[in-house]
Amino acid sequence: MNNPKLNTFESKRMETRWFSFVKVILLFGVTIAVFHVRVVHANEYVKNRVIVLSDIEADPDDTQSFVRLFLYANEIDIKGLIATTSCWHKTQVNPESIVKVIKAYGKVQPKLTEHAPGFPTESELLSLVRNGLPVYGMEGVGEGKDSEGSDWIIQVLEEEDDRPLWISVWGGANTLAQALHKINHTKSQAEAKRLISKLRVYTISDQDDSGHWIRENFPGLFYIVSPGDNYGSATWTGINSYIPEINNESISNTWLAHNIQQDHGPLGAVYPDEAWGMEGDTPSWLSLIPNGLNVPEKPDWGGWGGRYELYLPEFQKDKKGSSGVPHKAEVREIWTDSSDSYTPSVPNDFGRTIKLDTNTFNGNKVTLWRWRDDFQNDFAARMDWCVQDFDQANHPPVPVLANPETISVKSGEGIALDARNSYDPDGDNISFQWFSYTEAGTLKNRLINDAQNIHSLWIMAPEVKKKESAHIILKVTDKGEPNLSRYKRIVINILPK
């Protein structure tokens, strides 16, 4: 039945389906498989659940991070928004400041739904706001120290939901610590183990004394952190660090004013100016966005939130910050700082559209800022969604592989990679780039040594003496405004002959 009120998003989705159908007719042998892959991937995607603990009003960056988070509320299953304390905000919590951002979001939510389905309503987000105790650190942990925030964490954990529950900690962790304390003292050992096994924690360094207590008392808990309070050396600071010898425009005040704050509706209007660093809390959930690169359960694979490895970090007595949080040695392995070696690609006016730069960068912050222009452009595009119609705004391209995403070969065998069926929902021209991500695998030799500006390529598996894994990243970028990128990660397992 014809529906004259069919919205723009549905129209575009139908156009995409028709486009796929036509390709099936024209390219029967190959594209039936491609069409099937698209449908299966759409059905198999499961949203990551997250509860945010925020010391909002300690720093404007929490408000900034909430603005960005709500723009991805259709792709991340937000389960709780809890106002907490921290070393910078010890005696009060400010849930009303979270509410303010939600109300701004509510004014643009109808517009966002024109671009993608699944954005929760203002009232749905308001129902998730909770308080932690207005006390500092371990003063809020123990018998009789429950809060609506700590009880809410337990309630969500007890839901019949097999998905992991991510706890994104932007300030102090004592609300989480109290939830764990209560679980330990009120549940059977088996039930406590079951509930805690569902938790995934990413804390923005240690901003009270409860973080170390959690890691010490719950040794099996999945925990990502740059420990201590020496924030300047933490991986998450890669989101706002000024890096000499690269273009830092996408974190400049001018860029933020033009792309986020001004002329982008009520949500952009509540995005505050930077005080001590732009969006220092955002890395704690960036890797939950389904972009084809992020694999949250595997922090050592790297993604928009950085890359982390599981080990017992060396205790450095002189590595002290200024927050007053006790600096202690870790007692068990945690997911923490790792290092990437990264050579950026730069535009090239003649020949291939991009080429490798002459500078190579190394360090833990590199694991995050190497993706910065991509996720800043993505942020800007979603801010455009707040005020623009579907046909006016840009939407990310869709990479499509003709080959599997996991491939097993023997030494000396050839590997064919093909992304020619990738497309853009807006009809934009797209560019391709393939590169080796050696740090994510065990094979330290690059299978690709330069910037491959082609939709398909052929590589040879090297000689190996034991099984090795190599990660190849396909990056597809459109030529819309701003340029948007999506990825595919191909894991190649190489076996000896």
Protein backbone atom coordinates (compact mmCIF):
# COMPACT_ATOMS: atom_id res chain seq x y z
CA MET A 1 0.00 0.00 0.00
CA ASN A 2 1.36 3.44 -0.88
CA ASN A 3 2.20 5.64 2.08
CA PRO A 4 2.47 9.34 1.19
CA LYS A 5 3.93 10.04 4.64
CA LEU A 6 6.84 7.63 4.26
CA ASN A 7 9.76 9.45 5.88
CA THR A 8 13.04 10.22 4.16
CA PHE A 9 14.98 7.56 6.00
CA GLU A 10 12.58 4.81 4.90
CA SER A 11 12.70 6.10 1.34
CA LYS A 12 16.48 5.98 1.32
CA ARG A 13 16.47 2.50 2.81
CA MET A 14 14.11 1.29 0.08
CA GLU A 15 16.33 2.87 -2.56
CA THR A 16 19.32 0.99 -1.14
CA ARG A 17 17.38 -2.30 -1.22
CA TRP A 18 16.37 -1.66 -4.87
CA PHE A 19 19.96 -0.81 -5.74
CA SER A 20 21.11 -4.11 -4.21
CA PHE A 21 18.39 -6.01 -6.09
CA VAL A 22 19.47 -4.51 -9.40
CA LYS A 23 23.06 -5.50 -8.70
CA VAL A 24 21.95 -9.07 -7.99
CA ILE A 25 20.29 -9.21 -11.43
CA LEU A 26 23.32 -7.74 -13.20
CA LEU A 27 26.05 -9.60 -11.32
CA PHE A 28 24.27 -12.79 -10.29
CA GLY A 29 27.26 -14.91 -9.38
CA VAL A 30 28.99 -12.55 -7.00
CA THR A 31 26.50 -10.12 -5.61
CA ILE A 32 23.95 -12.61 -4.28
CA ALA A 33 26.61 -13.38 -1.68
CA VAL A 34 27.26 -9.68 -1.13
CA PHE A 35 23.55 -8.95 -0.66
CA HIS A 36 23.31 -11.86 1.79
CA VAL A 37 26.25 -10.53 3.77
CA ARG A 38 24.59 -7.13 4.13
CA VAL A 39 21.41 -8.63 5.52
CA VAL A 40 23.18 -11.02 7.87
CA HIS A 41 25.44 -8.29 9.24
CA ALA A 42 22.46 -6.02 9.88
CA ASN A 43 20.66 -8.79 11.76
CA GLU A 44 23.71 -9.94 13.72
CA TYR A 45 24.73 -6.54 15.05
CA VAL A 46 24.14 -6.28 18.78
CA LYS A 47 24.28 -2.90 20.53
CA ASN A 48 26.79 -2.53 23.32
CA ARG A 49 25.23 -1.71 26.69
CA VAL A 50 26.79 1.08 28.76
CA ILE A 51 26.28 2.85 32.09
CA VAL A 52 28.07 6.18 32.49
CA LEU A 53 29.48 7.42 35.81
CA SER A 54 30.13 11.15 35.48
CA ASP A 55 31.54 13.81 37.80
CA ILE A 56 29.77 16.38 35.65
CA GLU A 57 30.49 20.01 36.67
CA ALA A 58 34.01 19.13 37.78
CA ASP A 59 35.09 20.03 34.24
CA PRO A 60 33.14 21.13 31.14
CA ASP A 61 34.41 18.10 29.27
CA ASP A 62 31.75 15.80 30.80
CA THR A 63 29.05 17.95 29.21
CA GLN A 64 30.95 17.83 25.93
CA SER A 65 31.12 14.02 26.11
CA PHE A 66 27.39 13.74 26.83
CA VAL A 67 26.59 15.81 23.73
CA ARG A 68 28.58 13.40 21.59
CA LEU A 69 27.28 10.29 23.37
CA PHE A 70 23.63 11.15 22.76
CA LEU A 71 24.34 11.51 19.04
CA TYR A 72 25.23 7.79 19.07
CA ALA A 73 22.34 6.77 21.32
CA ASN A 74 20.83 4.85 18.40
CA GLU A 75 23.91 2.63 18.10
CA ILE A 76 24.84 2.26 21.78
CA ASP A 77 22.34 0.94 24.31
CA ILE A 78 22.57 3.50 27.12
CA LYS A 79 21.40 1.84 30.34
CA GLY A 80 22.26 4.42 33.00
CA LEU A 81 23.54 7.98 33.51
CA ILE A 82 24.86 8.35 37.04
CA ALA A 83 26.15 11.60 38.60
CA THR A 84 29.15 10.92 40.85
CA THR A 85 32.00 12.59 42.69
CA SER A 86 35.73 12.60 41.95
CA CYS A 87 38.97 14.02 43.32
CA TRP A 88 37.98 17.30 41.65
CA HIS A 89 34.37 17.23 42.84
CA LYS A 90 34.32 15.56 46.26
CA THR A 91 31.15 16.64 48.05
CA GLN A 92 28.38 17.01 45.48
CA VAL A 93 26.79 15.35 42.49
CA ASN A 94 24.96 17.19 39.72
CA PRO A 95 22.37 15.08 37.91
CA GLU A 96 20.55 18.26 36.87
CA SER A 97 23.43 19.01 34.52
CA ILE A 98 22.92 15.68 32.77
CA VAL A 99 19.21 16.48 32.53
CA LYS A 100 20.04 19.79 30.85
CA VAL A 101 21.89 18.04 28.03
CA ILE A 102 19.13 15.46 27.66
CA LYS A 103 16.52 18.20 27.27
CA ALA A 104 18.62 19.80 24.53
CA TYR A 105 18.88 16.40 22.87
CA GLY A 106 15.11 16.01 23.11
CA LYS A 107 14.63 19.07 20.91
CA VAL A 108 16.67 17.55 18.08
CA GLN A 109 15.73 13.87 18.53
CA PRO A 110 12.91 14.03 15.93
CA LYS A 111 15.38 15.38 13.37
CA LEU A 112 17.94 12.69 14.21
CA THR A 113 15.37 9.98 13.53
CA GLU A 114 15.07 11.22 9.95
CA HIS A 115 18.68 10.09 9.45
CA ALA A 116 18.75 6.78 11.33
CA PRO A 117 16.33 4.69 13.40
CA GLY A 118 16.65 3.87 17.08
CA PHE A 119 17.25 7.20 18.79
CA PRO A 120 15.64 7.02 22.27
CA THR A 121 13.18 9.69 23.33
CA GLU A 122 13.97 12.44 25.81
CA SER A 123 11.79 10.76 28.43
CA GLU A 124 13.57 7.43 27.95
CA LEU A 125 16.95 9.02 28.65
CA LEU A 126 15.60 11.04 31.58
CA SER A 127 14.42 7.79 33.17
CA LEU A 128 18.04 6.59 33.28
CA VAL A 129 19.48 9.45 35.37
CA ARG A 130 20.61 8.42 38.85
CA ASN A 131 22.72 9.77 41.75
CA GLY A 132 25.77 8.37 43.43
CA LEU A 133 26.59 9.43 46.98
CA PRO A 134 27.95 12.99 47.36
CA VAL A 135 31.08 11.73 49.15
CA TYR A 136 34.61 11.07 48.03
CA GLY A 137 36.07 7.71 47.12
CA MET A 138 36.09 4.92 49.68
CA GLU A 139 34.05 7.05 52.07
CA GLY A 140 31.12 5.94 49.89
CA VAL A 141 31.89 2.21 49.99
CA GLY A 142 30.73 -0.19 52.68
CA GLU A 143 27.73 -1.29 54.72
CA GLY A 144 24.89 1.23 54.44
CA LYS A 145 26.59 3.16 51.62
CA ASP A 146 24.19 2.16 48.84
CA SER A 147 22.91 4.82 46.45
CA GLU A 148 20.33 4.82 43.69
CA GLY A 149 23.29 4.72 41.31
CA SER A 150 24.95 1.65 42.84
CA ASP A 151 21.63 -0.16 43.14
CA TRP A 152 20.85 0.68 39.51
CA ILE A 153 24.10 -0.95 38.34
CA ILE A 154 23.08 -4.14 40.14
CA GLN A 155 19.54 -4.00 38.77
CA VAL A 156 20.78 -3.70 35.18
CA LEU A 157 23.30 -6.52 35.75
CA GLU A 158 20.48 -8.76 36.97
CA GLU A 159 18.42 -8.26 33.82
CA GLU A 160 18.03 -11.31 31.61
CA ASP A 161 20.52 -10.04 29.08
CA ASP A 162 23.63 -11.94 28.04
CA ARG A 163 25.35 -8.86 26.64
CA PRO A 164 28.31 -7.45 28.59
CA LEU A 165 27.60 -4.28 30.56
CA TRP A 166 30.21 -1.58 30.02
CA ILE A 167 30.81 0.86 32.86
CA SER A 168 32.22 4.08 31.43
CA VAL A 169 33.84 5.95 34.33
CA TRP A 170 34.43 9.66 33.70
CA GLY A 171 35.22 10.60 37.31
CA GLY A 172 35.46 8.61 40.52
CA ALA A 173 34.58 4.92 40.58
CA ASN A 174 33.08 4.63 44.07
CA THR A 175 29.52 4.07 42.84
CA LEU A 176 30.75 1.02 40.95
CA ALA A 177 32.83 -0.02 43.95
CA GLN A 178 29.72 0.06 46.17
CA ALA A 179 27.77 -2.04 43.69
CA LEU A 180 30.56 -4.62 43.71
CA HIS A 181 30.73 -4.50 47.52
CA LYS A 182 27.01 -5.18 47.80
CA ILE A 183 27.11 -7.99 45.24
CA ASN A 184 29.93 -9.62 47.18
CA HIS A 185 28.06 -9.43 50.48
CA THR A 186 24.52 -10.27 49.36
CA LYS A 187 24.90 -12.81 46.55
CA SER A 188 26.12 -16.38 46.54
CA GLN A 189 29.68 -16.86 45.35
CA ALA A 190 28.46 -18.37 42.09
CA GLU A 191 25.93 -15.58 41.45
CA ALA A 192 28.47 -12.87 42.29
CA LYS A 193 30.94 -14.43 39.86
CA ARG A 194 28.26 -14.61 37.16
CA LEU A 195 27.25 -10.97 37.54
CA ILE A 196 30.78 -9.61 37.75
CA SER A 197 31.81 -11.61 34.67
CA LYS A 198 29.35 -9.48 32.65
CA LEU A 199 31.07 -6.21 33.61
CA ARG A 200 33.54 -4.37 31.36
CA VAL A 201 35.08 -1.29 32.94
CA TYR A 202 36.95 1.59 31.28
CA THR A 203 37.99 4.34 33.69
CA ILE A 204 39.55 7.65 32.71
CA SER A 205 42.61 7.19 34.94
CA ASP A 206 42.07 7.08 38.72
CA GLN A 207 40.02 10.01 40.01
CA ASP A 208 39.42 8.65 43.50
CA ASP A 209 40.89 5.93 45.71
CA SER A 210 38.25 3.32 44.88
CA GLY A 211 39.62 2.34 41.46
CA HIS A 212 42.69 0.64 42.88
CA TRP A 213 40.51 -1.00 45.55
CA ILE A 214 38.29 -2.48 42.83
CA ARG A 215 41.23 -3.88 40.87
CA GLU A 216 42.78 -5.34 44.01
CA ASN A 217 39.60 -6.97 45.36
CA PHE A 218 38.09 -8.17 42.09
CA PRO A 219 41.03 -9.68 40.22
CA GLY A 220 38.89 -11.23 37.49
CA LEU A 221 37.16 -7.99 36.54
CA PHE A 222 37.77 -6.75 32.99
CA TYR A 223 39.35 -3.33 33.56
CA ILE A 224 40.86 -0.79 31.16
CA VAL A 225 42.80 2.09 32.72
CA SER A 226 45.93 4.19 32.51
CA PRO A 227 46.50 3.78 36.27
CA GLY A 228 47.36 6.54 38.70
CA ASP A 229 46.67 10.23 38.29
CA ASN A 230 49.51 11.25 35.97
CA TYR A 231 46.97 12.20 33.33
CA GLY A 232 49.46 13.76 30.94
CA SER A 233 50.89 10.35 30.03
CA ALA A 234 47.56 8.50 29.78
CA THR A 235 46.34 7.04 26.50
CA TRP A 236 42.99 8.86 26.65
CA THR A 237 44.72 12.25 26.39
CA GLY A 238 45.38 11.43 22.74
CA ILE A 239 41.91 12.78 22.02
CA ASN A 240 42.96 16.35 22.77
CA SER A 241 46.77 16.36 22.65
CA TYR A 242 48.40 18.83 20.27
CA ILE A 243 50.76 16.77 18.11
CA PRO A 244 53.56 18.68 16.34
CA GLU A 245 54.02 17.86 12.66
CA ILE A 246 50.40 16.88 11.99
CA ASN A 247 47.27 18.89 11.26
CA ASN A 248 45.49 19.46 14.59
CA GLU A 249 42.64 21.52 13.13
CA SER A 250 39.89 19.06 14.15
CA ILE A 251 40.45 19.75 17.85
CA SER A 252 40.80 23.51 17.51
CA ASN A 253 38.38 25.97 19.08
CA THR A 254 37.59 27.34 15.62
CA TRP A 255 36.67 23.88 14.33
CA LEU A 256 34.49 23.17 17.38
CA ALA A 257 32.68 26.51 17.05
CA HIS A 258 31.98 25.99 13.34
CA ASN A 259 31.13 22.28 13.35
CA ILE A 260 29.60 21.67 16.77
CA GLN A 261 28.64 24.70 18.84
CA GLN A 262 27.15 27.26 16.49
CA ASP A 263 24.25 26.88 14.04
CA HIS A 264 23.72 23.24 14.98
CA GLY A 265 20.63 23.54 17.12
CA PRO A 266 20.03 23.26 20.88
CA LEU A 267 22.39 20.32 21.40
CA GLY A 268 25.33 22.13 19.84
CA ALA A 269 24.47 25.24 21.85
CA VAL A 270 25.02 23.41 25.17
CA TYR A 271 28.47 22.13 24.12
CA PRO A 272 30.80 24.24 26.33
CA ASP A 273 34.19 25.69 25.50
CA GLU A 274 37.27 23.75 26.51
CA ALA A 275 38.74 24.41 29.96
CA TRP A 276 41.30 21.69 30.80
CA GLY A 277 41.02 19.53 27.71
CA MET A 278 38.43 18.67 25.07
CA GLU A 279 36.33 15.58 25.81
CA GLY A 280 38.80 13.74 28.01
CA ASP A 281 36.05 11.25 28.93
CA THR A 282 34.92 10.32 25.43
CA PRO A 283 37.62 7.64 24.83
CA SER A 284 35.95 5.48 27.49
CA TRP A 285 33.10 4.68 25.09
CA LEU A 286 34.37 5.53 21.58
CA SER A 287 35.22 1.88 20.91
CA LEU A 288 31.57 0.89 21.48
CA ILE A 289 30.54 2.56 18.20
CA PRO A 290 29.98 -0.08 15.48
CA ASN A 291 32.23 1.27 12.73
CA GLY A 292 33.80 -1.95 11.44
CA LEU A 293 37.10 -1.24 13.20
CA ASN A 294 36.08 -1.32 16.86
CA VAL A 295 36.01 -4.69 18.65
CA PRO A 296 35.35 -3.71 22.30
CA GLU A 297 36.00 -7.18 23.71
CA LYS A 298 39.51 -7.12 22.23
CA PRO A 299 41.22 -3.92 23.45
CA ASP A 300 44.54 -5.14 21.99
CA TRP A 301 43.05 -4.95 18.48
CA GLY A 302 42.81 -1.16 18.63
CA GLY A 303 40.02 1.21 17.67
CA TRP A 304 38.70 4.72 18.05
CA GLY A 305 39.17 4.57 21.84
CA GLY A 306 42.82 3.53 21.60
CA ARG A 307 44.65 0.23 21.95
CA TYR A 308 45.47 -1.54 25.23
CA GLU A 309 47.34 -4.67 26.28
CA LEU A 310 46.83 -6.99 29.24
CA TYR A 311 49.82 -6.96 31.59
CA LEU A 312 51.01 -6.00 35.09
CA PRO A 313 52.34 -2.45 34.70
CA GLU A 314 55.62 -1.58 36.35
CA PHE A 315 55.20 0.61 39.41
CA GLN A 316 56.97 3.94 39.01
CA LYS A 317 57.29 5.79 42.29
CA ASP A 318 58.07 9.11 40.63
CA LYS A 319 55.00 8.94 38.37
CA LYS A 320 52.74 11.12 40.50
CA GLY A 321 50.11 13.61 39.51
CA SER A 322 48.45 16.49 41.29
CA SER A 323 45.01 15.12 42.23
CA GLY A 324 45.94 13.58 45.57
CA VAL A 325 44.73 10.11 44.57
CA PRO A 326 47.04 7.56 46.26
CA HIS A 327 49.63 6.18 43.88
CA LYS A 328 49.95 2.42 44.42
CA ALA A 329 51.46 -0.56 42.67
CA GLU A 330 49.07 -2.73 40.70
CA VAL A 331 48.57 -6.23 42.07
CA ARG A 332 47.33 -7.99 38.92
CA GLU A 333 47.20 -7.68 35.16
CA ILE A 334 45.00 -4.94 33.71
CA TRP A 335 44.23 -3.68 30.22
CA THR A 336 46.48 -0.65 29.97
CA ASP A 337 48.74 1.50 27.80
CA SER A 338 50.30 0.04 24.67
CA SER A 339 52.13 1.60 21.75
CA ASP A 340 51.57 1.95 18.01
CA SER A 341 54.01 2.91 15.29
CA TYR A 342 52.02 4.99 12.84
CA THR A 343 52.84 6.73 9.57
CA PRO A 344 49.94 8.98 8.55
CA SER A 345 48.64 9.18 5.02
CA VAL A 346 48.51 12.63 3.47
CA PRO A 347 46.66 14.00 0.39
CA ASN A 348 48.41 13.76 -2.94
CA ASP A 349 47.36 15.97 -5.87
CA PHE A 350 48.80 13.83 -8.66
CA GLY A 351 48.70 10.07 -9.01
CA ARG A 352 47.31 8.16 -6.06
CA THR A 353 45.03 10.34 -3.96
CA ILE A 354 46.96 9.66 -0.74
CA LYS A 355 50.53 8.77 0.05
CA LEU A 356 52.44 7.96 3.21
CA ASP A 357 53.87 10.92 5.12
CA THR A 358 57.58 11.21 5.87
CA ASN A 359 56.99 11.24 9.63
CA THR A 360 56.37 8.14 11.74
CA PHE A 361 54.98 8.48 15.26
CA ASN A 362 55.27 6.10 18.21
CA GLY A 363 53.63 5.89 21.62
CA ASN A 364 50.50 5.03 23.54
CA LYS A 365 48.63 8.24 22.63
CA VAL A 366 49.22 7.42 18.96
CA THR A 367 46.89 4.43 19.35
CA LEU A 368 44.05 6.92 19.81
CA TRP A 369 44.88 10.12 17.92
CA ARG A 370 45.65 8.18 14.72
CA TRP A 371 41.84 7.92 14.28
CA ARG A 372 41.06 11.44 15.50
CA ASP A 373 40.19 13.15 12.22
CA ASP A 374 37.86 10.25 11.38
CA PHE A 375 35.87 10.37 14.60
CA GLN A 376 35.80 14.16 14.66
CA ASN A 377 34.37 14.22 11.14
CA ASP A 378 31.82 11.62 12.23
CA PHE A 379 30.86 13.83 15.18
CA ALA A 380 30.47 16.86 12.90
CA ALA A 381 28.27 14.93 10.48
CA ARG A 382 25.95 13.82 13.27
CA MET A 383 25.71 17.38 14.52
CA ASP A 384 24.56 18.29 11.00
CA TRP A 385 21.84 15.66 11.36
CA CYS A 386 20.40 17.77 14.19
CA VAL A 387 19.45 20.56 11.79
CA GLN A 388 19.60 19.21 8.22
CA ASP A 389 17.30 17.05 6.13
CA PHE A 390 18.53 13.65 4.98
CA ASP A 391 19.37 14.84 1.47
CA GLN A 392 21.39 17.78 2.82
CA ALA A 393 23.57 15.85 5.28
CA ASN A 394 26.30 13.26 4.89
CA HIS A 395 26.05 9.63 6.01
CA PRO A 396 28.84 7.08 6.30
CA PRO A 397 29.77 4.77 3.43
CA VAL A 398 29.21 1.03 3.64
CA PRO A 399 32.27 -1.18 3.07
CA VAL A 400 31.40 -4.55 1.53
CA LEU A 401 33.94 -7.34 1.22
CA ALA A 402 33.72 -10.10 -1.38
CA ASN A 403 36.14 -12.12 0.76
CA PRO A 404 35.67 -13.41 4.33
CA GLU A 405 36.73 -11.25 7.26
CA THR A 406 38.77 -14.15 8.67
CA ILE A 407 41.08 -15.99 6.28
CA SER A 408 43.43 -18.94 6.88
CA VAL A 409 46.30 -19.57 4.46
CA LYS A 410 49.63 -21.33 4.38
CA SER A 411 52.99 -19.70 3.83
CA GLY A 412 53.49 -18.73 0.20
CA GLU A 413 49.82 -18.75 -0.71
CA GLY A 414 48.12 -15.74 -2.28
CA ILE A 415 45.34 -13.74 -0.67
CA ALA A 416 42.75 -11.84 -2.71
CA LEU A 417 40.97 -8.93 -1.00
CA ASP A 418 38.12 -7.21 -2.79
CA ALA A 419 35.83 -4.35 -1.72
CA ARG A 420 34.51 -3.27 -5.10
CA ASN A 421 30.87 -3.63 -3.98
CA SER A 422 31.22 -0.99 -1.27
CA TYR A 423 28.83 1.91 -1.66
CA ASP A 424 27.66 5.20 -0.20
CA PRO A 425 24.01 5.76 0.81
CA ASP A 426 24.15 9.36 -0.45
CA GLY A 427 25.60 8.38 -3.80
CA ASP A 428 28.95 10.01 -2.99
CA ASN A 429 32.16 8.93 -4.63
CA ILE A 430 34.26 6.75 -2.32
CA SER A 431 37.97 6.15 -1.83
CA PHE A 432 39.69 2.99 -0.62
CA GLN A 433 42.72 2.45 1.58
CA TRP A 434 44.19 -0.83 2.81
CA PHE A 435 46.87 -0.98 5.48
CA SER A 436 48.54 -3.41 7.87
CA TYR A 437 47.85 -3.01 11.57
CA THR A 438 50.83 -5.00 12.82
CA GLU A 439 50.35 -4.22 16.51
CA ALA A 440 46.95 -5.93 16.47
CA GLY A 441 48.35 -9.27 15.30
CA THR A 442 51.36 -11.46 16.04
CA LEU A 443 53.05 -11.07 12.65
CA LYS A 444 55.29 -8.03 12.90
CA ASN A 445 56.10 -7.80 9.20
CA ARG A 446 53.70 -5.63 7.23
CA LEU A 447 51.78 -7.39 4.48
CA ILE A 448 51.10 -3.94 2.97
CA ASN A 449 53.88 -1.38 2.98
CA ASP A 450 52.34 1.65 1.32
CA ALA A 451 49.01 3.45 0.96
CA GLN A 452 46.95 1.21 -1.32
CA ASN A 453 44.41 3.46 -3.11
CA ILE A 454 42.54 0.63 -4.86
CA HIS A 455 39.36 -1.36 -4.30
CA SER A 456 41.10 -4.75 -4.48
CA LEU A 457 44.56 -6.17 -4.02
CA TRP A 458 46.58 -9.37 -4.01
CA ILE A 459 49.14 -10.16 -1.32
CA MET A 460 51.33 -13.17 -0.56
CA ALA A 461 51.48 -14.90 2.81
CA PRO A 462 55.09 -14.84 4.07
CA GLU A 463 57.04 -17.81 5.34
CA VAL A 464 56.32 -18.48 9.03
CA LYS A 465 57.65 -21.09 11.47
CA LYS A 466 54.53 -21.07 13.66
CA LYS A 467 50.97 -19.87 13.29
CA GLU A 468 50.85 -16.08 12.98
CA SER A 469 48.00 -13.62 12.67
CA ALA A 470 47.99 -10.44 10.60
CA HIS A 471 45.37 -7.68 10.61
CA ILE A 472 44.55 -5.77 7.45
CA ILE A 473 42.29 -2.72 7.77
CA LEU A 474 40.15 -1.55 4.87
CA LYS A 475 39.13 2.08 5.20
CA VAL A 476 36.41 3.38 2.89
CA THR A 477 35.95 7.17 2.83
CA ASP A 478 33.33 9.19 1.02
CA LYS A 479 33.84 12.58 -0.57
CA GLY A 480 30.87 14.18 1.16
CA GLU A 481 31.13 17.07 3.59
CA PRO A 482 32.58 16.24 6.02
CA ASN A 483 34.41 13.15 4.73
CA LEU A 484 33.19 10.05 6.57
CA SER A 485 34.99 6.73 6.97
CA ARG A 486 34.00 3.18 7.83
CA TYR A 487 36.18 0.10 8.00
CA LYS A 488 36.50 -3.63 7.65
CA ARG A 489 39.06 -5.61 9.61
CA ILE A 490 40.42 -8.72 7.91
CA VAL A 491 42.24 -11.17 10.20
CA ILE A 492 44.59 -13.42 8.26
CA ASN A 493 45.85 -16.56 10.02
CA ILE A 494 49.06 -17.76 8.40
CA LEU A 495 50.12 -21.38 8.93
CA PRO A 496 53.50 -22.99 8.21
CA LYS A 497 53.66 -25.22 5.15
